[in-house]
Amino acid sequence: MTELVTNAYTHVGVGHIVLRIFPDVRDDLVVIEVWDQGAGEPVVRGEDGDAEGGRGLLLIDQLVHDWGVRPLNEEGKVVWARCAR
């Protein structure tokens, strides 16, 4: 959850960030959604041992059940992840 919020804050920097957490009862998982007003979509970077950052989405990709991005008709996007309770 903190990684998704931090990414929204770091890469968008302006506007609102909205966080929603709710159960996905179909698969007994938890859904985390972070809405921001930015147009850019997050990208998983490859491993770079010399980089000082940029590993957050790589970790998310490896730790959660699945994740993705849903563009909104209005301004912004929702980045979501489904993970174990």
C-alpha atoms as a PDB file:
ATOM      1  CA  MET A   1       0.000   0.000   0.000  1.00  0.00           C
ATOM      2  CA  THR A   2       2.692   2.493   0.943  1.00  0.00           C
ATOM      3  CA  GLU A   3       4.621   1.820  -2.254  1.00  0.00           C
ATOM      4  CA  LEU A   4       1.621   2.631  -4.444  1.00  0.00           C
ATOM      5  CA  VAL A   5       0.863   5.825  -2.494  1.00  0.00           C
ATOM      6  CA  THR A   6       4.530   6.855  -2.536  1.00  0.00           C
ATOM      7  CA  ASN A   7       4.684   6.338  -6.307  1.00  0.00           C
ATOM      8  CA  ALA A   8       1.602   8.508  -6.796  1.00  0.00           C
ATOM      9  CA  TYR A   9       3.059  11.250  -4.598  1.00  0.00           C
ATOM     10  CA  THR A  10       6.536  11.085  -6.148  1.00  0.00           C
ATOM     11  CA  HIS A  11       5.554  10.908  -9.810  1.00  0.00           C
ATOM     12  CA  VAL A  12       2.406  13.042  -9.838  1.00  0.00           C
ATOM     13  CA  GLY A  13       3.216  15.481  -7.052  1.00  0.00           C
ATOM     14  CA  VAL A  14       0.039  17.569  -7.342  1.00  0.00           C
ATOM     15  CA  GLY A  15      -3.648  17.018  -6.781  1.00  0.00           C
ATOM     16  CA  HIS A  16      -5.427  14.462  -4.666  1.00  0.00           C
ATOM     17  CA  ILE A  17      -4.435  10.893  -3.898  1.00  0.00           C
ATOM     18  CA  VAL A  18      -7.268   8.601  -2.841  1.00  0.00           C
ATOM     19  CA  LEU A  19      -6.670   5.205  -1.245  1.00  0.00           C
ATOM     20  CA  ARG A  20      -9.269   2.433  -1.049  1.00  0.00           C
ATOM     21  CA  ILE A  21      -8.822  -0.974   0.562  1.00  0.00           C
ATOM     22  CA  PHE A  22     -11.550  -3.599   0.380  1.00  0.00           C
ATOM     23  CA  PRO A  23     -11.961  -7.391   0.331  1.00  0.00           C
ATOM     24  CA  ASP A  24     -12.260  -9.394  -2.863  1.00  0.00           C
ATOM     25  CA  VAL A  25     -14.501 -12.095  -1.449  1.00  0.00           C
ATOM     26  CA  ARG A  26     -14.458 -14.132  -4.663  1.00  0.00           C
ATOM     27  CA  ASP A  27     -10.773 -14.982  -4.258  1.00  0.00           C
ATOM     28  CA  ASP A  28     -10.296 -14.277  -0.512  1.00  0.00           C
ATOM     29  CA  LEU A  29      -7.872 -11.447  -1.322  1.00  0.00           C
ATOM     30  CA  VAL A  30      -7.577  -7.778  -0.411  1.00  0.00           C
ATOM     31  CA  VAL A  31      -7.779  -5.112  -3.133  1.00  0.00           C
ATOM     32  CA  ILE A  32      -5.743  -1.931  -2.761  1.00  0.00           C
ATOM     33  CA  GLU A  33      -6.560   0.957  -5.101  1.00  0.00           C
ATOM     34  CA  VAL A  34      -4.676   4.242  -5.360  1.00  0.00           C
ATOM     35  CA  TRP A  35      -6.256   6.973  -7.473  1.00  0.00           C
ATOM     36  CA  ASP A  36      -4.202   9.968  -8.570  1.00  0.00           C
ATOM     37  CA  GLN A  37      -4.661  12.763 -11.079  1.00  0.00           C
ATOM     38  CA  GLY A  38      -1.571  11.970 -13.146  1.00  0.00           C
ATOM     39  CA  ALA A  39      -1.718  10.862 -16.764  1.00  0.00           C
ATOM     40  CA  GLY A  40       1.418   8.698 -16.795  1.00  0.00           C
ATOM     41  CA  GLU A  41       1.231   4.987 -16.136  1.00  0.00           C
ATOM     42  CA  PRO A  42       3.641   3.167 -13.809  1.00  0.00           C
ATOM     43  CA  VAL A  43       6.279   0.963 -15.406  1.00  0.00           C
ATOM     44  CA  VAL A  44       8.167  -1.920 -13.809  1.00  0.00           C
ATOM     45  CA  ARG A  45      11.870  -1.262 -14.295  1.00  0.00           C
ATOM     46  CA  GLY A  46      14.455  -3.968 -14.639  1.00  0.00           C
ATOM     47  CA  GLU A  47      16.855  -4.715 -11.837  1.00  0.00           C
ATOM     48  CA  ASP A  48      19.678  -2.196 -11.566  1.00  0.00           C
ATOM     49  CA  GLY A  49      22.056  -2.780  -8.667  1.00  0.00           C
ATOM     50  CA  ASP A  50      23.489   0.735  -8.990  1.00  0.00           C
ATOM     51  CA  ALA A  51      20.144   2.561  -8.906  1.00  0.00           C
ATOM     52  CA  GLU A  52      19.140   4.363  -5.713  1.00  0.00           C
ATOM     53  CA  GLY A  53      15.425   3.788  -6.371  1.00  0.00           C
ATOM     54  CA  GLY A  54      13.000   2.336  -8.846  1.00  0.00           C
ATOM     55  CA  ARG A  55      12.546  -1.103  -7.312  1.00  0.00           C
ATOM     56  CA  GLY A  56       9.117  -0.585  -5.768  1.00  0.00           C
ATOM     57  CA  LEU A  57       6.953  -1.840  -8.624  1.00  0.00           C
ATOM     58  CA  LEU A  58       9.356  -4.704  -9.223  1.00  0.00           C
ATOM     59  CA  LEU A  59       8.754  -5.781  -5.614  1.00  0.00           C
ATOM     60  CA  ILE A  60       5.011  -5.308  -5.930  1.00  0.00           C
ATOM     61  CA  ASP A  61       4.997  -7.354  -9.128  1.00  0.00           C
ATOM     62  CA  GLN A  62       6.714 -10.212  -7.286  1.00  0.00           C
ATOM     63  CA  LEU A  63       4.748 -10.047  -4.031  1.00  0.00           C
ATOM     64  CA  VAL A  64       1.093  -9.515  -4.958  1.00  0.00           C
ATOM     65  CA  HIS A  65      -1.370 -11.848  -6.664  1.00  0.00           C
ATOM     66  CA  ASP A  66      -1.806  -9.390  -9.546  1.00  0.00           C
ATOM     67  CA  TRP A  67      -1.838  -5.649 -10.183  1.00  0.00           C
ATOM     68  CA  GLY A  68      -2.606  -3.191 -12.933  1.00  0.00           C
ATOM     69  CA  VAL A  69      -3.663   0.275 -13.997  1.00  0.00           C
ATOM     70  CA  ARG A  70      -7.144   1.473 -14.897  1.00  0.00           C
ATOM     71  CA  PRO A  71      -7.322   4.827 -16.733  1.00  0.00           C
ATOM     72  CA  LEU A  72     -10.267   6.995 -15.742  1.00  0.00           C
ATOM     73  CA  ASN A  73     -12.605   8.802 -18.120  1.00  0.00           C
ATOM     74  CA  GLU A  74     -12.067  11.913 -16.085  1.00  0.00           C
ATOM     75  CA  GLU A  75      -8.593  12.952 -15.021  1.00  0.00           C
ATOM     76  CA  GLY A  76      -6.141  10.393 -13.693  1.00  0.00           C
ATOM     77  CA  LYS A  77      -5.872   6.681 -13.133  1.00  0.00           C
ATOM     78  CA  VAL A  78      -6.270   3.953 -10.533  1.00  0.00           C
ATOM     79  CA  VAL A  79      -3.344   1.670  -9.764  1.00  0.00           C
ATOM     80  CA  TRP A  80      -4.604  -1.483  -8.082  1.00  0.00           C
ATOM     81  CA  ALA A  81      -3.140  -4.580  -6.498  1.00  0.00           C
ATOM     82  CA  ARG A  82      -4.730  -7.756  -5.144  1.00  0.00           C
ATOM     83  CA  CYS A  83      -2.872  -9.508  -2.343  1.00  0.00           C
ATOM     84  CA  ALA A  84      -3.332 -12.056   0.410  1.00  0.00           C
ATOM     85  CA  ARG A  85      -5.089 -10.954   3.573  1.00  0.00           C
END
